[in-house]
Protein backbone atom coordinates (compact mmCIF):
# COMPACT_ATOMS: atom_id res chain seq x y z
CA MET A 1 187.89 -3.47 73.71
CA GLY A 2 188.15 -5.93 76.72
CA VAL A 3 187.83 -9.17 78.68
CA ILE A 4 184.29 -10.84 79.06
CA GLN A 5 183.56 -13.73 81.41
CA LEU A 6 180.84 -16.37 81.20
CA ILE A 7 179.71 -19.22 82.89
CA VAL A 8 178.12 -21.62 80.76
CA ASP A 9 177.24 -25.05 82.20
CA GLY A 10 179.41 -24.81 85.01
CA ASP A 11 182.25 -24.01 82.71
CA LEU A 12 184.15 -20.68 83.03
CA THR A 13 184.74 -19.36 79.57
CA THR A 14 187.24 -16.35 78.98
CA VAL A 15 186.50 -14.15 75.96
CA VAL A 16 189.43 -11.63 75.23
CA VAL A 17 188.82 -9.11 72.62
CA GLU A 18 192.05 -7.39 71.78
CA ALA A 19 194.67 -6.25 69.34
CA GLY A 20 197.27 -8.56 69.23
CA ALA A 21 195.54 -11.73 70.79
CA LEU A 22 197.03 -14.38 68.67
CA SER A 23 200.87 -13.29 69.34
CA ALA A 24 200.16 -13.52 73.17
CA LEU A 25 198.19 -16.83 73.10
CA GLY A 26 200.78 -18.88 74.77
CA GLU A 27 200.57 -17.23 77.76
CA ALA A 28 196.66 -16.61 77.71
CA LEU A 29 196.71 -20.59 77.61
CA VAL A 30 198.73 -20.80 80.65
CA GLU A 31 196.02 -18.59 82.47
CA HIS A 32 193.50 -20.41 81.41
CA CYS A 33 194.44 -23.96 80.74
CA GLY A 34 196.96 -24.27 83.20
CA PRO A 35 200.99 -24.58 83.38
CA SER A 36 202.24 -25.44 79.99
CA ARG A 37 205.31 -27.91 81.31
CA GLY A 38 206.07 -29.08 77.73
CA ARG A 39 202.16 -29.85 77.18
CA ALA A 40 200.94 -30.35 73.65
CA ALA A 41 199.09 -27.25 71.97
CA VAL A 42 197.60 -28.87 68.67
CA VAL A 43 196.32 -26.09 66.45
CA ILE A 44 193.88 -26.97 63.96
CA THR A 45 193.52 -24.45 61.04
CA ASP A 46 192.58 -24.66 57.52
CA GLU A 47 195.10 -23.92 54.90
CA THR A 48 194.40 -20.55 54.21
CA VAL A 49 194.37 -19.12 57.80
CA GLY A 50 197.34 -21.77 58.86
CA GLY A 51 199.39 -19.95 56.03
CA LEU A 52 198.65 -16.43 57.72
CA TYR A 53 198.49 -16.97 61.35
CA GLY A 54 200.06 -20.10 61.84
CA ALA A 55 204.00 -19.40 62.50
CA GLY A 56 203.20 -16.23 64.88
CA ILE A 57 200.68 -18.40 67.03
CA GLY A 58 203.43 -21.54 66.90
CA ALA A 59 206.16 -19.05 68.07
CA SER A 60 203.94 -18.15 70.89
CA LEU A 61 203.38 -21.41 72.08
CA VAL A 62 206.95 -22.25 72.17
CA GLY A 63 207.76 -18.85 74.01
CA ALA A 64 205.42 -19.99 76.55
CA GLY A 65 206.73 -23.65 77.09
CA TRP A 66 204.14 -25.53 74.85
CA THR A 67 205.35 -27.95 72.78
CA PRO A 68 203.28 -27.10 69.13
CA LEU A 69 201.51 -29.27 67.21
CA SER A 70 199.89 -28.18 63.66
CA PHE A 71 197.03 -29.75 61.39
CA SER A 72 195.61 -27.94 58.92
CA ILE A 73 192.58 -29.11 56.90
CA ARG A 74 191.26 -28.05 53.20
CA PRO A 75 188.90 -24.85 53.53
CA GLY A 76 185.26 -24.97 53.63
CA GLU A 77 182.13 -26.68 54.93
CA GLN A 78 183.00 -30.13 53.02
CA SER A 79 185.88 -30.70 55.50
CA LYS A 80 183.40 -30.73 58.60
CA ARG A 81 182.69 -34.38 58.37
CA LEU A 82 183.50 -37.54 60.54
CA THR A 83 186.34 -38.65 58.06
CA THR A 84 188.05 -35.61 58.34
CA ALA A 85 187.89 -35.99 62.66
CA GLY A 86 188.99 -39.74 62.13
CA VAL A 87 192.23 -38.16 60.43
CA ILE A 88 192.76 -35.91 63.02
CA TYR A 89 192.10 -38.53 65.72
CA ARG A 90 194.84 -40.45 64.21
CA PHE A 91 197.08 -37.21 64.30
CA LEU A 92 197.04 -36.96 67.69
CA SER A 93 197.37 -40.98 68.20
CA ASP A 94 200.92 -40.64 66.18
CA ASN A 95 202.13 -37.63 68.02
CA ARG A 96 200.68 -39.05 71.56
CA ALA A 97 198.46 -36.15 72.41
CA GLY A 98 197.39 -36.78 75.87
CA ARG A 99 194.45 -35.94 78.35
CA ASP A 100 196.59 -33.12 79.41
CA SER A 101 196.96 -31.73 75.65
CA VAL A 102 195.06 -28.44 74.46
CA ILE A 103 193.03 -28.22 71.55
CA VAL A 104 193.38 -24.86 69.54
CA ALA A 105 190.72 -24.01 66.85
CA LEU A 106 192.33 -21.21 64.48
CA GLY A 107 189.56 -20.09 61.96
CA GLY A 108 186.29 -19.99 61.08
CA GLY A 109 182.97 -21.72 62.09
CA VAL A 110 183.93 -24.65 60.05
CA VAL A 111 187.63 -25.22 61.98
CA SER A 112 185.89 -24.06 65.60
CA ASP A 113 183.12 -26.71 64.99
CA LEU A 114 185.20 -29.66 64.18
CA ALA A 115 188.17 -28.83 66.16
CA GLY A 116 185.57 -28.35 69.06
CA PHE A 117 184.14 -31.97 68.30
CA VAL A 118 187.69 -33.29 68.26
CA ALA A 119 188.45 -31.87 71.74
CA ALA A 120 184.85 -33.33 73.25
CA THR A 121 185.91 -36.84 72.00
CA TRP A 122 189.51 -37.04 72.24
CA MET A 123 190.17 -39.02 75.16
CA ARG A 124 186.54 -38.38 76.45
CA GLY A 125 187.18 -34.85 76.21
CA VAL A 126 190.43 -32.38 76.48
CA ASP A 127 190.88 -28.66 77.00
CA PHE A 128 189.85 -26.26 74.15
CA ALA A 129 190.52 -22.69 72.73
CA ILE A 130 189.45 -20.68 69.77
CA CYS A 131 191.30 -18.12 67.75
CA PRO A 132 188.26 -17.24 65.74
CA THR A 133 189.29 -15.44 62.12
CA SER A 134 185.98 -14.97 60.37
CA LEU A 135 183.62 -12.39 61.51
CA GLU A 136 180.77 -15.05 62.13
CA SER A 137 182.55 -16.98 64.42
CA CYS A 138 183.77 -13.63 66.62
CA VAL A 139 180.25 -12.84 66.80
CA ASP A 140 178.49 -16.16 67.08
CA ALA A 141 180.26 -19.66 66.50
CA SER A 142 183.22 -18.94 68.85
CA ILE A 143 180.39 -18.32 71.80
CA GLY A 144 178.51 -21.36 73.33
CA GLY A 145 180.44 -24.50 73.07
CA LYS A 146 178.18 -26.29 70.12
CA THR A 147 180.30 -28.45 68.41
CA ALA A 148 179.69 -30.66 65.21
CA VAL A 149 180.16 -32.32 62.19
CA ASN A 150 178.01 -32.81 59.28
CA ILE A 151 176.78 -36.03 57.76
CA PRO A 152 175.29 -36.92 54.26
CA GLY A 153 171.75 -36.99 56.17
CA GLY A 154 172.23 -32.86 57.14
CA LYS A 155 174.31 -30.39 58.70
CA ASN A 156 175.56 -30.32 62.35
CA LEU A 157 173.73 -33.73 63.16
CA VAL A 158 176.87 -34.99 65.02
CA GLY A 159 178.12 -33.17 67.63
CA ALA A 160 178.53 -32.39 71.36
CA PHE A 161 178.59 -29.35 73.82
CA HIS A 162 181.73 -28.68 74.76
CA GLN A 163 182.88 -25.24 76.45
CA PRO A 164 186.20 -23.55 75.42
CA LYS A 165 188.30 -22.13 78.30
CA LEU A 166 189.15 -19.50 76.46
CA VAL A 167 188.04 -17.26 73.16
CA ALA A 168 190.81 -14.87 71.93
CA ILE A 169 189.60 -12.36 69.16
CA ASP A 170 192.08 -10.13 67.42
CA PRO A 171 189.93 -7.79 65.65
CA GLN A 172 193.20 -7.10 63.34
CA VAL A 173 192.75 -10.58 61.68
CA LEU A 174 189.63 -9.26 59.86
CA VAL A 175 190.91 -6.94 57.39
CA THR A 176 191.76 -10.19 55.41
CA LEU A 177 188.56 -11.09 55.06
CA PRO A 178 187.02 -10.83 51.50
CA PHE A 179 183.92 -8.10 51.68
CA ARG A 180 181.39 -11.46 50.75
CA ASP A 181 182.37 -12.77 54.28
CA ILE A 182 182.02 -9.73 56.34
CA CYS A 183 178.71 -9.25 54.72
CA ALA A 184 177.99 -12.88 55.44
CA GLY A 185 179.50 -12.85 58.72
CA LEU A 186 176.93 -9.96 60.02
CA ALA A 187 173.79 -11.89 59.57
CA GLU A 188 174.07 -13.38 62.77
CA SER A 189 174.88 -10.13 64.39
CA ILE A 190 171.52 -8.50 62.60
CA LYS A 191 169.98 -11.65 64.03
CA HIS A 192 170.45 -10.73 67.73
CA GLY A 193 169.25 -7.32 66.82
CA ILE A 194 166.27 -8.58 65.05
CA LEU A 195 165.72 -10.90 68.12
CA PHE A 196 166.59 -9.09 71.11
CA SER A 197 167.08 -5.72 70.76
CA GLU A 198 165.39 -3.18 68.55
CA ASP A 199 167.98 -0.56 69.60
CA PHE A 200 170.85 -2.91 68.40
CA LEU A 201 168.95 -3.16 64.97
CA SER A 202 169.01 0.34 64.71
CA TRP A 203 172.45 0.78 65.52
CA HIS A 204 173.02 -1.40 62.88
CA GLU A 205 170.73 0.63 60.39
CA GLU A 206 172.35 3.77 61.32
CA ASN A 207 176.02 2.54 60.86
CA ALA A 208 176.44 0.24 58.53
CA SER A 209 179.14 1.82 56.15
CA ALA A 210 181.32 2.23 59.24
CA VAL A 211 180.75 -1.51 60.16
CA LEU A 212 181.26 -2.91 56.58
CA SER A 213 184.62 -1.17 56.62
CA LEU A 214 185.58 -2.59 59.74
CA ALA A 215 186.17 1.10 61.24
CA GLY A 216 188.11 0.03 64.66
CA SER A 217 185.48 1.36 67.62
CA PHE A 218 182.64 0.14 65.85
CA VAL A 219 183.90 -3.08 65.13
CA GLY A 220 185.37 -3.75 68.68
CA GLU A 221 181.66 -2.63 69.75
CA LEU A 222 179.92 -4.83 67.29
CA ILE A 223 181.97 -8.13 68.89
CA GLU A 224 181.82 -7.10 72.52
CA ARG A 225 177.88 -6.61 71.93
CA ASN A 226 177.23 -9.84 70.46
CA VAL A 227 179.46 -11.78 73.03
CA VAL A 228 177.21 -10.48 75.47
CA PHE A 229 173.98 -10.96 73.74
CA LYS A 230 175.00 -14.69 73.03
CA GLY A 231 176.43 -15.40 76.19
CA ASP A 232 173.33 -14.26 78.43
CA ILE A 233 171.43 -16.41 76.48
CA VAL A 234 173.94 -19.55 76.46
CA SER A 235 174.68 -19.30 80.20
CA GLY A 236 171.04 -19.80 80.96
CA ASP A 237 170.34 -22.55 78.64
CA ALA A 238 173.57 -24.26 77.79
CA LYS A 239 171.75 -27.03 76.22
CA GLU A 240 168.86 -25.92 74.99
CA GLN A 241 166.75 -27.49 77.50
CA SER A 242 164.75 -24.70 78.53
CA GLY A 243 163.78 -23.44 75.29
CA LYS A 244 165.81 -19.93 75.45
CA ARG A 245 168.40 -21.00 73.81
CA ILE A 246 166.68 -22.10 70.27
CA LEU A 247 165.55 -18.73 70.05
CA LEU A 248 169.03 -18.19 68.27
CA ASN A 249 167.88 -20.49 65.72
CA PHE A 250 165.75 -17.89 64.04
CA GLY A 251 166.06 -17.85 60.34
CA HIS A 252 168.39 -21.08 60.60
CA THR A 253 165.53 -24.16 59.88
CA ILE A 254 164.60 -22.99 56.45
CA GLY A 255 168.53 -21.51 56.38
CA HIS A 256 169.96 -24.57 57.15
CA ALA A 257 168.05 -26.26 54.65
CA ILE A 258 168.89 -23.82 51.67
CA GLU A 259 172.58 -24.50 52.62
CA SER A 260 172.32 -28.11 52.82
CA CYS A 261 170.55 -28.20 49.27
CA CYS A 262 172.71 -25.77 47.45
CA GLY A 263 175.65 -27.98 48.17
CA PHE A 264 176.98 -25.32 50.82
CA SER A 265 177.92 -22.79 47.26
CA LEU A 266 176.32 -20.11 49.43
CA ARG A 267 178.05 -18.94 52.98
CA HIS A 268 176.43 -20.08 56.03
CA GLY A 269 175.30 -16.38 56.88
CA GLU A 270 173.89 -15.82 53.60
CA CYS A 271 171.59 -18.95 54.01
CA VAL A 272 170.77 -17.54 57.56
CA SER A 273 169.68 -14.28 55.87
CA LEU A 274 167.46 -16.05 53.33
CA GLY A 275 165.82 -18.09 56.68
CA MET A 276 165.30 -15.04 58.15
CA VAL A 277 163.43 -13.41 55.12
CA ALA A 278 161.19 -16.12 55.18
CA ALA A 279 160.66 -16.61 58.80
CA SER A 280 159.35 -13.12 58.88
CA ARG A 281 156.97 -13.69 56.09
CA LEU A 282 155.98 -16.99 57.82
CA SER A 283 155.29 -14.59 60.92
CA HIS A 284 153.49 -12.28 58.94
CA SER A 285 151.40 -14.84 57.42
CA SER A 286 151.00 -16.47 61.16
CA GLY A 287 149.34 -13.23 61.91
CA LEU A 288 152.25 -12.15 64.23
CA LEU A 289 154.33 -9.54 62.29
CA GLY A 290 153.37 -6.46 60.36
CA GLU A 291 154.53 -5.96 56.94
CA SER A 292 156.25 -3.18 57.49
CA GLU A 293 158.52 -4.77 60.19
CA VAL A 294 158.73 -7.85 57.58
CA LEU A 295 160.24 -5.06 55.31
CA ARG A 296 162.47 -3.85 57.99
CA VAL A 297 164.13 -7.23 58.31
CA GLU A 298 164.54 -7.37 54.37
CA SER A 299 165.80 -3.66 54.07
CA VAL A 300 168.61 -3.95 57.04
CA LEU A 301 169.87 -6.95 55.43
CA SER A 302 169.83 -5.42 52.16
CA GLN A 303 172.17 -2.33 53.68
CA TYR A 304 174.45 -5.41 54.55
CA ASP A 305 174.69 -6.93 50.66
CA LEU A 306 173.01 -10.00 52.15
CA PRO A 307 170.78 -11.81 49.87
CA VAL A 308 167.15 -11.25 50.37
CA ARG A 309 166.02 -13.46 47.14
CA LEU A 310 167.50 -16.83 46.16
CA PRO A 311 170.23 -16.73 43.58
CA GLU A 312 168.80 -19.76 42.30
CA ALA A 313 165.59 -21.69 42.83
CA MET A 314 165.67 -25.49 44.62
CA SER A 315 162.93 -27.33 44.90
CA TRP A 316 160.40 -27.22 47.13
CA ASP A 317 160.40 -30.85 48.27
CA ARG A 318 164.23 -30.78 48.32
CA ILE A 319 163.96 -27.98 51.05
CA ARG A 320 161.04 -29.68 52.89
CA ASP A 321 162.98 -32.77 53.28
CA ALA A 322 165.87 -31.29 54.67
CA MET A 323 163.88 -29.28 57.32
CA LEU A 324 162.24 -32.66 58.27
CA ARG A 325 166.03 -34.00 59.03
CA ASP A 326 167.04 -30.92 61.17
CA LYS A 327 167.79 -31.94 64.39
CA LYS A 328 165.27 -29.35 66.06
CA ALA A 329 162.35 -31.17 64.50
CA THR A 330 159.67 -32.21 66.58
CA ALA A 331 157.54 -35.22 66.06
CA GLY A 332 158.43 -35.40 62.77
CA SER A 333 157.87 -31.88 61.75
CA PRO A 334 160.17 -28.70 62.02
CA ARG A 335 160.51 -26.04 64.82
CA PHE A 336 160.08 -22.70 63.96
CA VAL A 337 161.40 -19.44 65.66
CA LEU A 338 159.10 -16.38 64.51
CA LEU A 339 158.39 -12.86 65.51
CA ASP A 340 155.74 -11.51 67.40
CA GLY A 341 157.43 -8.11 66.54
CA ILE A 342 160.94 -6.82 66.56
CA GLY A 343 162.41 -8.40 69.79
CA CYS A 344 159.97 -10.51 70.69
CA PRO A 345 160.63 -14.31 69.26
CA VAL A 346 158.20 -17.11 69.78
CA VAL A 347 158.83 -20.81 69.37
CA ARG A 348 156.16 -22.69 66.88
CA ASP A 349 155.65 -26.30 66.32
CA GLY A 350 153.08 -27.69 63.95
CA VAL A 351 153.28 -24.84 61.66
CA ASP A 352 151.21 -25.40 58.46
CA GLU A 353 153.03 -26.89 56.10
CA ASN A 354 151.12 -24.79 52.69
CA ASP A 355 152.43 -21.27 54.87
CA VAL A 356 155.86 -22.77 55.04
CA ARG A 357 156.04 -23.74 51.40
CA ALA A 358 154.80 -20.24 50.86
CA ALA A 359 156.99 -18.46 53.01
CA TYR A 360 159.87 -20.54 51.02
CA GLU A 361 158.71 -19.65 48.01
CA SER A 362 158.52 -15.83 48.44
CA LEU A 363 162.67 -16.16 48.10
CA ILE A 364 162.17 -17.47 44.81
C-alpha cells in the first residue's frame, strides 16, 4: 500500500491507500489543503456510512485544528439530484462556510459525485477531498474529478470537472460492505482489464476467490493498479477532449440506459456488467471481436457474480430513448466504445440501430 500522485488538468491529486487513512484524515487535509486555522471541513456522507465512520473522522478533524461540519443524505442514487444539492447549499450558507472551506466526501460514488458537484459550485469552487467507502469508488469514481447530479432526463447530465486534492482510501472499511456491493464494485476493475491489459484481466480470472474475500494483499494490489490505470487515462484527457478518456465508457452507453430505466434498482456495477456484455456482442456483430472473446468477457463477469443477462426485461423503446439522452451522444446518435480484441478499445459513431437493438436484446 502506498501513495500515488496524479496531475490532472494541471491539478495535483494525492491518492493515499493505507490502513487507518480515515483516522489520519485531519492531518492529511492540512498537508494537502493547507493549514487548518479553524477552517470549516464539511463532511458530506450518507446516513449509513456516517453512522459507521462519522465520529472517528470528526475527532480526527478536531485534533488537527479544523472546524468540522457534517451533512448526511439518504443512501442511494435518488439523493443525487439538484434538490439535494440545494439543501446542502443552504446548510453551507447557514453555517457560514467560506471560500476557505474544504468539502470532504465520505461514502461511495453517489456521495462523491454529489459532494464534488457542491464543491465545484459553492462560491465558484472550494477544495475537495474524497474518502471512498465503496469498492466501486475506490477503483473508479474517486479518480478523475467527474462530479454530477441526475435530472429526470438522465443520469449525470448536470455536472462539472473538479479535481480532489486528496483521495484517502482505507481498505479496512470495505469489510462492512454486503457481498453484492463488493461484486458490483469489481465491474469497473474488470472493465479496466478488458480495455487496457490482458494481463490484468487474467489476474482477475486467476484470483477471483481471493479478491472476493478481500484478502489484504490482493485488495491492496487491486486498488492501486486501478488507480494507476485510470490515473494514466484521465491525466492525458482530463475533460474528454482528446478521445482517450471516453474509452472508459465501455459498457456505459447501454449500462446507463438500463440503470435509468430500472429506476436504479440495480447497482451501477451490475448495469455496467450488462452494458459490457452488450457492447461485446455489438463488437462481435460489427466484425471486431471473436465469439471466444465475447464468451471470455461473460465468463469473468460471472466469476464475480455479476449479471450477464437482465433479471427483468425492459422495452427497447425505453432503452433507446435513454441512450439518445446520454451526454456522450453525438448528432442525435449514441456513441459506443467497442472492442477490436481484448485490450484494443475503439470508438464508433453511427452504429446501426438494428445491431444495437440485437445486442441489447441478447441480454434478455
